Amino acid sequence: MTTSPTGTPPPADPGVSSGNRTATPSRPGMVKTAAVLAFIWGGLTIVSSLISMTAGSLVAGAGSACAKNDQSGLCAFAADSGSMLIVIGIALIVAAALVI
């Protein structure tokens, strides 16, 4: 093995083993970008699931609070819509877990 004038060995070629260390090629920029965008997408999905679950609990609570005096069925519809928003929030959490 040749050494430089300072006594240090030359840098290893990518993919060539030199002793106990192996040099691996770096990932392409598009792969890094895709990974970063997946984390951003997962974070936004988690935020939207929290908003959906909060809105669902508020709507369901309002629907059940006025259900005693409801003649039109609007409060029952609001309570059912709130439950649907909670289910959508849970589905968004599952989707975020799959993305991240």
Protein backbone atom coordinates (compact mmCIF):
# COMPACT_ATOMS: atom_id res chain seq x y z
CA MET A 1 0.00 0.00 0.00
CA THR A 2 1.37 3.38 -0.93
CA THR A 3 1.28 6.28 1.46
CA SER A 4 1.23 9.99 0.88
CA PRO A 5 4.17 12.21 1.85
CA THR A 6 2.50 12.86 5.22
CA GLY A 7 2.31 9.14 6.01
CA THR A 8 -1.46 8.72 5.79
CA PRO A 9 -2.97 6.05 3.53
CA PRO A 10 -4.95 7.16 0.47
CA PRO A 11 -8.77 7.30 0.78
CA ALA A 12 -10.61 4.09 0.00
CA ASP A 13 -12.63 3.72 -3.19
CA PRO A 14 -16.41 3.50 -2.69
CA GLY A 15 -17.49 -0.08 -2.20
CA VAL A 16 -13.94 -1.39 -1.67
CA SER A 17 -13.13 -2.84 1.72
CA SER A 18 -9.98 -1.58 3.38
CA GLY A 19 -9.28 -3.42 6.58
CA ASN A 20 -12.16 -3.33 9.02
CA ARG A 21 -14.00 -0.36 7.52
CA THR A 22 -16.15 -0.45 4.42
CA ALA A 23 -17.10 2.56 2.41
CA THR A 24 -20.69 2.65 1.22
CA PRO A 25 -21.96 4.93 -1.50
CA SER A 26 -24.28 7.70 -0.36
CA ARG A 27 -27.97 7.70 -1.20
CA PRO A 28 -29.16 9.66 -4.22
CA GLY A 29 -30.79 13.02 -3.63
CA MET A 30 -34.19 11.84 -4.85
CA VAL A 31 -34.25 9.09 -2.21
CA LYS A 32 -33.44 11.57 0.55
CA THR A 33 -36.10 13.95 -0.74
CA ALA A 34 -38.70 11.18 -0.82
CA ALA A 35 -37.89 10.21 2.77
CA VAL A 36 -38.15 13.80 4.00
CA LEU A 37 -41.45 14.32 2.17
CA ALA A 38 -42.81 11.09 3.67
CA PHE A 39 -42.03 12.35 7.17
CA ILE A 40 -43.65 15.71 6.39
CA TRP A 41 -46.71 13.97 4.94
CA GLY A 42 -46.95 11.75 8.03
CA GLY A 43 -46.71 14.76 10.35
CA LEU A 44 -49.44 16.61 8.48
CA THR A 45 -51.60 13.49 8.59
CA ILE A 46 -51.20 13.27 12.36
CA VAL A 47 -52.14 16.95 12.74
CA SER A 48 -55.21 16.49 10.54
CA SER A 49 -56.24 13.40 12.50
CA LEU A 50 -56.06 15.36 15.76
CA ILE A 51 -58.20 18.13 14.24
CA SER A 52 -60.70 15.56 12.95
CA MET A 53 -60.97 13.81 16.30
CA THR A 54 -61.37 17.11 18.16
CA ALA A 55 -64.08 18.28 15.77
CA GLY A 56 -65.78 14.90 15.99
CA SER A 57 -65.90 14.97 19.77
CA LEU A 58 -67.25 18.52 19.77
CA VAL A 59 -69.95 17.75 17.20
CA ALA A 60 -70.92 14.48 18.89
CA GLY A 61 -71.10 16.21 22.26
CA ALA A 62 -73.27 18.99 20.87
CA GLY A 63 -75.51 16.45 19.15
CA SER A 64 -76.02 14.39 22.28
CA ALA A 65 -76.62 17.50 24.39
CA CYS A 66 -79.58 18.66 22.31
CA ALA A 67 -80.99 15.21 21.52
CA LYS A 68 -83.56 15.32 24.34
CA ASN A 69 -85.66 18.12 22.80
CA ASP A 70 -84.99 17.36 19.12
CA GLN A 71 -88.04 16.91 16.91
CA SER A 72 -86.33 17.17 13.51
CA GLY A 73 -83.60 14.58 13.96
CA LEU A 74 -80.88 17.18 13.38
CA CYS A 75 -79.20 16.52 16.72
CA ALA A 76 -79.08 12.78 16.05
CA PHE A 77 -77.53 13.51 12.66
CA ALA A 78 -74.93 15.75 14.34
CA ALA A 79 -74.07 13.02 16.85
CA ASP A 80 -73.68 10.50 14.02
CA SER A 81 -71.53 12.93 12.04
CA GLY A 82 -69.31 13.43 15.07
CA SER A 83 -68.83 9.69 15.34
CA MET A 84 -67.88 9.56 11.67
CA LEU A 85 -65.28 12.31 12.17
CA ILE A 86 -63.76 10.31 15.03
CA VAL A 87 -63.57 7.21 12.80
CA ILE A 88 -61.90 9.29 10.08
CA GLY A 89 -59.40 10.56 12.66
CA ILE A 90 -58.52 7.01 13.66
CA ALA A 91 -58.10 6.03 10.00
CA LEU A 92 -55.78 9.01 9.49
CA ILE A 93 -53.63 7.89 12.44
CA VAL A 94 -53.30 4.45 10.85
CA ALA A 95 -52.38 6.06 7.51
CA ALA A 96 -49.75 8.23 9.22
CA ALA A 97 -48.23 5.17 10.87
CA LEU A 98 -47.96 3.48 7.48
CA VAL A 99 -46.34 6.53 5.88
CA ILE A 100 -43.81 7.11 8.62
